[in-house]
Amino acid sequence: MARNRTLRGRTCRRTGGRHCSALRVRVLVSFPGEALARWADALARLLPEAEVRAWSADAPPFDADYVAAFRPPAELFAREQRVRAVFNLAAGAEAMLSVPTLDPSIPIYRLEDAGMAGQMADYASYAVLRWYRDMDRYAEQAARGEWKQLKPRRKIDFTVGVLGLGEMGGAVARRIASLGFPVRGWSRAPRQIDRVAPFAGRDGLLPFLADSRVVIAALPLTEETRGILDRNAFAQMPAGSFVVNVGRGGLVIEQDLLNALDSGHIGGAMLDVFATEPLPPDHPFWRHPRVTVTPHVSAVTLRDVSLAQVAEKIRRCHRGETVTGRVDRARGY
C-alpha cells in the first residue's frame, strides 16, 4: 500500500481518495525525557477530536496521521508508515531535517513565534543595554570597592547588527531600534524593516559587520550559515565590539571567537547556544572573564502556546486548508 504523503498546500488526502474530514485523526507526540507525557496530555486537551498518543519504542505502530515532535528518534518514522505531515515543536528545523528515516516528501511545519520572539528580544535587549551602559566594567569596579564614573556612550555611536531577519531576528531588530539604537540587519535575501538598515547576501556581510558594535546572531543553521561568525568576520568588526548568539551554536567558530576575545579585539560575548549542548564542563567559555554563558534559554518553547498553534495547524490540515510555517528543505528552515 502506498503511503499518504500528499499534504502540499491546500489538499490533504488519504490513500484511496477519501477526504480527511471523514476520518478521525491520529496524532503521535514525541518529546525527549520525562516531559513527553505532559506534552501529549496537553495536546490531547487542546485537540479533543483527535486520538493523541505519546510515542513509545515498546508500543505497536499507531498508524499516525500526524506527528508532533521535538528531536524524534529515527525509529519513529521507520515504524509509522502513514504520516501525512510533521509538526516540529521548535522554531529551528535542523534537528528534524537530520532524521534519516523521515521521508523527504513528508512536509514539516515549524512553530511560528509561539511566544518565543518576545523572549529573544528581551534577551538581546539586555545584552545590548548591559554593554552600552558598561555594566560589566562597573561590576568589576564594585568588586574592587572602586568608585569611578565612566564616560557615557552615545547611542548614535553604538550601532547594533542583527544577523537574520526572520520572525525571531526581525523581532529582535525592531525591539533594539525601539530603544533608540541605530540598527542594521543582514539576511540571505533583502528584507525591509522600519528603522533597520538592510544588508543582504555574501556581498553585504562584511559591510554589515564593519560598523556593528554589537552583532546578534539570530540565524537558522544551514550549510550557508554554518560558521558565518569566524575569524574573518570578527576581524571586520570594530575593536572592542560584542557578540551575542541566540541562533544556533554552529553559527560561531568557537575557537576563533576565543582567539578574538583573548586578543581584545572582541570585547565580550553573551552566548546562549553552542556547538555541543549541554556545554561540556571543561569548555573554556565557562571560565572566560569576557563570556557569559546561558543554557539555551533566550527563547524557551512555551508548551501551551506552542501546542495551541500545533492544534490549529492540524485542524487546518485536516480540513484541507493552507498551513503556514512549512519548512523549505532546500534552505533548511
Protein backbone atom coordinates (compact mmCIF):
# COMPACT_ATOMS: atom_id res chain seq x y z
CA MET A 1 0.00 0.00 0.00
CA ALA A 2 1.36 3.45 -0.88
CA ARG A 3 1.92 5.86 1.94
CA ASN A 4 -0.18 9.01 2.15
CA ARG A 5 2.28 11.86 1.75
CA THR A 6 0.33 14.45 -0.20
CA LEU A 7 -0.09 17.41 2.10
CA ARG A 8 1.16 20.13 -0.25
CA GLY A 9 -0.68 23.37 0.38
CA ARG A 10 -4.45 23.09 0.21
CA THR A 11 -5.11 19.37 -0.13
CA CYS A 12 -4.89 16.60 2.42
CA ARG A 13 -5.94 13.19 1.14
CA ARG A 14 -5.54 9.67 2.35
CA THR A 15 -4.69 6.73 0.13
CA GLY A 16 -7.86 5.69 -1.62
CA GLY A 17 -9.10 9.21 -2.29
CA ARG A 18 -11.20 9.73 0.83
CA HIS A 19 -11.13 13.27 2.21
CA CYS A 20 -9.54 13.76 5.63
CA SER A 21 -12.57 15.37 7.22
CA ALA A 22 -14.34 12.00 7.16
CA LEU A 23 -11.68 10.40 9.33
CA ARG A 24 -10.74 10.60 12.98
CA VAL A 25 -7.23 11.97 13.12
CA ARG A 26 -4.41 10.24 14.97
CA VAL A 27 -1.56 12.32 16.35
CA LEU A 28 1.66 10.87 17.75
CA VAL A 29 3.70 13.05 20.12
CA SER A 30 7.43 12.61 20.68
CA PHE A 31 9.47 14.69 23.10
CA PRO A 32 12.73 13.88 24.90
CA GLY A 33 12.77 12.80 28.53
CA GLU A 34 10.12 12.84 31.20
CA ALA A 35 8.26 15.80 29.66
CA LEU A 36 6.74 13.57 26.95
CA ALA A 37 3.60 12.67 28.92
CA ARG A 38 2.93 16.34 29.76
CA TRP A 39 3.23 17.36 26.10
CA ALA A 40 0.98 14.53 24.94
CA ASP A 41 -1.64 15.20 27.62
CA ALA A 42 -1.66 18.92 26.86
CA LEU A 43 -2.16 18.34 23.12
CA ALA A 44 -4.96 15.86 23.83
CA ARG A 45 -6.78 18.54 25.83
CA LEU A 46 -6.33 21.10 23.06
CA LEU A 47 -7.35 18.65 20.31
CA PRO A 48 -10.20 16.59 21.83
CA GLU A 49 -11.45 15.47 18.41
CA ALA A 50 -8.19 13.61 17.83
CA GLU A 51 -6.71 10.43 19.20
CA VAL A 52 -3.40 11.55 20.71
CA ARG A 53 -0.73 9.12 21.87
CA ALA A 54 2.73 9.53 23.36
CA TRP A 55 5.50 7.78 21.44
CA SER A 56 6.86 4.59 22.98
CA ALA A 57 9.50 2.38 21.46
CA ASP A 58 7.74 -0.61 23.03
CA ALA A 59 4.29 0.09 21.58
CA PRO A 60 2.97 -1.30 18.27
CA PRO A 61 2.60 1.06 15.29
CA PHE A 62 -0.05 3.73 15.85
CA ASP A 63 -0.72 4.44 12.15
CA ALA A 64 -0.44 8.13 12.97
CA ASP A 65 -1.75 10.71 10.54
CA TYR A 66 0.40 13.44 12.05
CA VAL A 67 3.46 13.64 14.27
CA ALA A 68 4.17 16.48 16.69
CA ALA A 69 7.74 16.12 17.86
CA PHE A 70 10.99 17.60 19.09
CA ARG A 71 14.12 15.61 18.26
CA PRO A 72 12.22 12.38 17.48
CA PRO A 73 14.08 9.06 17.28
CA ALA A 74 14.75 7.63 13.83
CA GLU A 75 12.78 4.54 14.84
CA LEU A 76 9.54 6.55 14.93
CA PHE A 77 9.42 7.24 11.20
CA ALA A 78 10.71 3.78 10.36
CA ARG A 79 7.68 2.36 12.16
CA GLU A 80 4.98 4.91 11.28
CA GLN A 81 4.23 4.48 7.58
CA ARG A 82 1.13 6.68 7.13
CA VAL A 83 2.36 10.07 8.36
CA ARG A 84 0.98 12.96 6.29
CA ALA A 85 2.80 15.83 8.00
CA VAL A 86 5.16 16.55 10.86
CA PHE A 87 4.79 19.47 13.25
CA ASN A 88 8.11 20.45 14.72
CA LEU A 89 7.88 21.54 18.37
CA ALA A 90 10.60 24.14 17.89
CA ALA A 91 11.33 27.12 15.67
CA GLY A 92 14.54 25.64 14.25
CA ALA A 93 14.17 22.66 11.93
CA GLU A 94 17.73 21.34 11.57
CA ALA A 95 17.25 18.53 14.11
CA MET A 96 14.12 17.30 12.36
CA LEU A 97 15.71 17.55 8.93
CA SER A 98 18.59 15.37 10.11
CA VAL A 99 16.34 12.39 10.99
CA PRO A 100 17.39 9.84 8.34
CA THR A 101 14.12 7.89 8.30
CA LEU A 102 11.87 10.90 7.70
CA ASP A 103 10.75 10.64 4.08
CA PRO A 104 11.68 13.86 2.23
CA SER A 105 8.24 14.05 0.64
CA ILE A 106 6.53 14.45 4.02
CA PRO A 107 6.08 18.15 4.81
CA ILE A 108 7.43 19.62 8.03
CA TYR A 109 5.84 22.62 9.75
CA ARG A 110 7.72 24.69 12.30
CA LEU A 111 6.46 26.79 15.16
CA GLU A 112 5.91 30.42 14.24
CA ASP A 113 6.89 32.57 17.21
CA ALA A 114 4.64 30.86 19.83
CA GLY A 115 5.78 33.39 22.43
CA MET A 116 9.49 32.95 21.70
CA ALA A 117 10.19 36.10 19.67
CA GLY A 118 9.40 38.39 22.58
CA GLN A 119 11.65 36.39 24.89
CA MET A 120 14.52 36.58 22.42
CA ALA A 121 14.05 40.32 22.01
CA ASP A 122 14.19 40.70 25.81
CA TYR A 123 17.41 38.69 25.99
CA ALA A 124 19.08 40.64 23.19
CA SER A 125 17.98 43.98 24.65
CA TYR A 126 19.51 43.08 27.99
CA ALA A 127 22.83 42.23 26.34
CA VAL A 128 22.92 45.48 24.33
CA LEU A 129 21.99 47.70 27.27
CA ARG A 130 24.45 45.93 29.55
CA TRP A 131 27.38 46.69 27.25
CA TYR A 132 26.14 50.11 26.19
CA ARG A 133 25.99 51.21 29.84
CA ASP A 134 29.30 49.49 30.76
CA MET A 135 27.67 47.36 33.44
CA ASP A 136 30.42 44.72 33.27
CA ARG A 137 33.08 47.34 33.97
CA TYR A 138 31.05 48.78 36.83
CA ALA A 139 30.70 45.28 38.31
CA GLU A 140 34.50 44.84 38.14
CA GLN A 141 34.99 48.20 39.86
CA ALA A 142 32.46 47.33 42.55
CA ALA A 143 34.29 44.08 43.29
CA ARG A 144 37.40 46.22 43.99
CA GLY A 145 35.48 48.80 46.01
CA GLU A 146 36.31 51.38 43.34
CA TRP A 147 34.04 54.42 42.83
CA LYS A 148 34.64 55.72 39.30
CA GLN A 149 32.26 57.12 36.73
CA LEU A 150 33.00 56.06 33.17
CA LYS A 151 32.50 58.31 30.18
CA PRO A 152 28.99 57.69 28.84
CA ARG A 153 28.49 56.46 25.29
CA ARG A 154 26.13 57.95 22.74
CA LYS A 155 23.54 55.68 21.21
CA ILE A 156 24.24 57.11 17.78
CA ASP A 157 27.75 55.63 18.05
CA PHE A 158 26.57 52.21 19.21
CA THR A 159 25.23 50.50 16.10
CA VAL A 160 23.69 47.07 16.59
CA GLY A 161 23.71 44.48 13.81
CA VAL A 162 21.22 41.60 13.71
CA LEU A 163 22.19 38.56 11.66
CA GLY A 164 18.95 37.05 10.45
CA LEU A 165 15.66 38.90 9.96
CA GLY A 166 13.15 36.08 10.20
CA GLU A 167 10.45 36.04 12.85
CA MET A 168 12.94 35.90 15.71
CA GLY A 169 15.61 38.17 14.29
CA GLY A 170 13.02 40.61 12.99
CA ALA A 171 11.52 40.91 16.47
CA VAL A 172 15.00 41.50 17.93
CA ALA A 173 15.81 44.20 15.35
CA ARG A 174 12.54 46.02 15.95
CA ARG A 175 12.97 45.95 19.72
CA ILE A 176 16.55 47.27 19.61
CA ALA A 177 15.50 50.00 17.20
CA SER A 178 12.68 50.99 19.57
CA LEU A 179 15.33 51.62 22.24
CA GLY A 180 16.90 54.29 20.06
CA PHE A 181 19.95 52.44 18.73
CA PRO A 182 20.96 52.51 15.08
CA VAL A 183 20.16 49.01 13.80
CA ARG A 184 21.28 47.18 10.70
CA GLY A 185 20.04 43.78 9.64
CA TRP A 186 21.56 41.10 7.45
CA SER A 187 19.61 38.38 5.67
CA ARG A 188 20.13 35.92 2.86
CA ALA A 189 17.79 37.91 0.62
CA PRO A 190 16.87 41.60 1.06
CA ARG A 191 14.25 42.38 3.70
CA GLN A 192 12.74 45.72 4.63
CA ILE A 193 12.01 46.52 8.28
CA ASP A 194 11.25 50.02 9.53
CA ARG A 195 14.28 51.73 11.13
CA VAL A 196 16.57 48.83 10.18
CA ALA A 197 19.27 49.38 7.55
CA PRO A 198 19.18 46.37 5.17
CA PHE A 199 22.17 44.28 4.11
CA ALA A 200 21.87 41.03 2.18
CA GLY A 201 23.85 38.17 0.69
CA ARG A 202 27.53 37.37 0.88
CA ASP A 203 28.45 40.71 -0.67
CA GLY A 204 26.61 42.52 2.10
CA LEU A 205 28.06 40.60 5.03
CA LEU A 206 31.40 42.37 5.51
CA PRO A 207 29.91 45.88 5.16
CA PHE A 208 27.24 44.83 7.67
CA LEU A 209 29.88 43.76 10.18
CA ALA A 210 32.19 46.73 9.67
CA ASP A 211 30.30 49.25 11.86
CA SER A 212 28.35 46.90 14.15
CA ARG A 213 29.40 47.46 17.77
CA VAL A 214 27.19 44.51 18.74
CA VAL A 215 26.41 41.60 16.42
CA ILE A 216 23.43 39.47 17.40
CA ALA A 217 23.25 36.12 15.60
CA ALA A 218 19.64 35.00 15.15
CA LEU A 219 20.01 32.85 12.05
CA PRO A 220 18.89 29.26 11.44
CA LEU A 221 21.69 26.77 10.97
CA THR A 222 22.10 25.81 7.31
CA GLU A 223 25.03 24.94 5.09
CA GLU A 224 25.16 28.61 4.10
CA THR A 225 25.18 29.94 7.67
CA ARG A 226 27.36 27.36 9.38
CA GLY A 227 30.48 29.10 10.72
CA ILE A 228 29.37 32.51 9.45
CA LEU A 229 30.97 34.13 12.50
CA ASP A 230 34.58 33.12 12.07
CA ARG A 231 37.95 34.85 12.41
CA ASN A 232 37.41 36.82 9.21
CA ALA A 233 34.04 38.05 10.43
CA PHE A 234 35.41 39.03 13.84
CA ALA A 235 38.30 40.88 12.20
CA GLN A 236 35.80 43.04 10.28
CA MET A 237 34.02 44.14 13.45
CA PRO A 238 35.18 47.30 15.27
CA ALA A 239 37.76 46.80 18.01
CA GLY A 240 36.11 46.17 21.37
CA SER A 241 32.78 45.11 19.88
CA PHE A 242 30.49 42.41 21.24
CA VAL A 243 28.88 39.17 20.07
CA VAL A 244 25.53 37.65 21.05
CA ASN A 245 24.47 34.22 19.79
CA VAL A 246 20.82 33.30 20.22
CA GLY A 247 20.51 31.38 16.94
CA ARG A 248 22.44 28.12 16.77
CA GLY A 249 25.82 27.12 18.14
CA GLY A 250 27.13 26.16 14.72
CA LEU A 251 26.93 29.77 13.54
CA VAL A 252 30.08 30.57 15.52
CA ILE A 253 33.54 29.04 15.14
CA GLU A 254 34.16 28.80 18.86
CA GLN A 255 37.96 28.75 18.80
CA ASP A 256 38.01 31.80 16.52
CA LEU A 257 35.81 33.65 19.00
CA LEU A 258 38.07 32.67 21.90
CA ASN A 259 41.10 33.92 19.99
CA ALA A 260 39.37 37.22 19.20
CA LEU A 261 38.39 37.64 22.85
CA ASP A 262 41.89 36.84 24.09
CA SER A 263 43.39 39.37 21.69
CA GLY A 264 40.99 42.04 22.95
CA HIS A 265 39.56 42.71 19.52
CA ILE A 266 36.19 41.34 20.66
CA GLY A 267 35.26 42.93 23.96
CA GLY A 268 32.76 40.35 25.17
CA ALA A 269 30.28 37.66 24.23
CA MET A 270 26.93 36.51 25.55
CA LEU A 271 26.26 33.01 24.30
CA ASP A 272 23.07 31.01 24.68
CA VAL A 273 23.69 28.25 22.12
CA PHE A 274 26.71 26.08 21.45
CA ALA A 275 28.13 23.52 19.06
CA THR A 276 27.74 20.88 21.80
CA GLU A 277 24.88 21.07 24.27
CA PRO A 278 24.92 20.87 27.20
CA LEU A 279 28.17 22.84 27.10
CA PRO A 280 30.90 20.48 28.44
CA PRO A 281 32.09 21.37 31.97
CA ASP A 282 35.68 21.79 30.77
CA HIS A 283 34.82 24.15 27.92
CA PRO A 284 36.84 27.41 28.15
CA PHE A 285 33.71 29.52 27.69
CA TRP A 286 32.71 28.72 31.27
CA ARG A 287 35.85 30.31 32.70
CA HIS A 288 36.49 33.14 30.27
CA PRO A 289 36.11 36.53 32.00
CA ARG A 290 34.53 38.14 28.92
CA VAL A 291 31.99 35.41 28.18
CA THR A 292 28.54 34.98 29.67
CA VAL A 293 27.03 31.51 29.21
CA THR A 294 23.32 30.81 29.45
CA PRO A 295 21.82 27.32 28.92
CA HIS A 296 19.73 27.78 25.75
CA VAL A 297 17.13 29.95 27.45
CA SER A 298 16.96 33.06 25.24
CA ALA A 299 13.66 31.77 23.80
CA VAL A 300 12.14 28.86 25.67
CA THR A 301 9.37 26.87 24.00
CA LEU A 302 6.13 27.61 25.88
CA ARG A 303 4.23 24.33 25.91
CA ASP A 304 0.62 25.50 25.96
CA VAL A 305 1.16 28.36 23.50
CA SER A 306 3.12 26.12 21.13
CA LEU A 307 0.64 23.25 21.25
CA ALA A 308 -2.30 25.58 20.69
CA GLN A 309 -0.59 26.62 17.46
CA VAL A 310 0.09 22.99 16.52
CA ALA A 311 -3.53 22.01 17.24
CA GLU A 312 -4.81 24.74 14.92
CA LYS A 313 -2.35 23.75 12.19
CA ILE A 314 -3.51 20.13 12.43
CA ARG A 315 -7.15 21.23 12.16
CA ARG A 316 -6.37 23.35 9.10
CA CYS A 317 -4.50 20.49 7.52
CA HIS A 318 -7.34 18.10 8.26
CA ARG A 319 -9.78 20.49 6.58
CA GLY A 320 -7.53 20.73 3.53
CA GLU A 321 -6.68 24.38 4.18
CA THR A 322 -3.38 26.20 3.80
CA VAL A 323 -0.96 25.60 6.68
CA THR A 324 1.69 28.23 7.30
CA GLY A 325 5.23 27.67 8.53
CA ARG A 326 6.21 24.94 6.09
CA VAL A 327 9.93 24.22 6.19
CA ASP A 328 11.80 24.67 2.92
CA ARG A 329 14.07 21.64 2.92
CA ALA A 330 16.42 23.17 0.36
CA ARG A 331 17.03 26.19 2.57
CA GLY A 332 16.93 24.28 5.85
CA TYR A 333 14.28 26.43 7.54
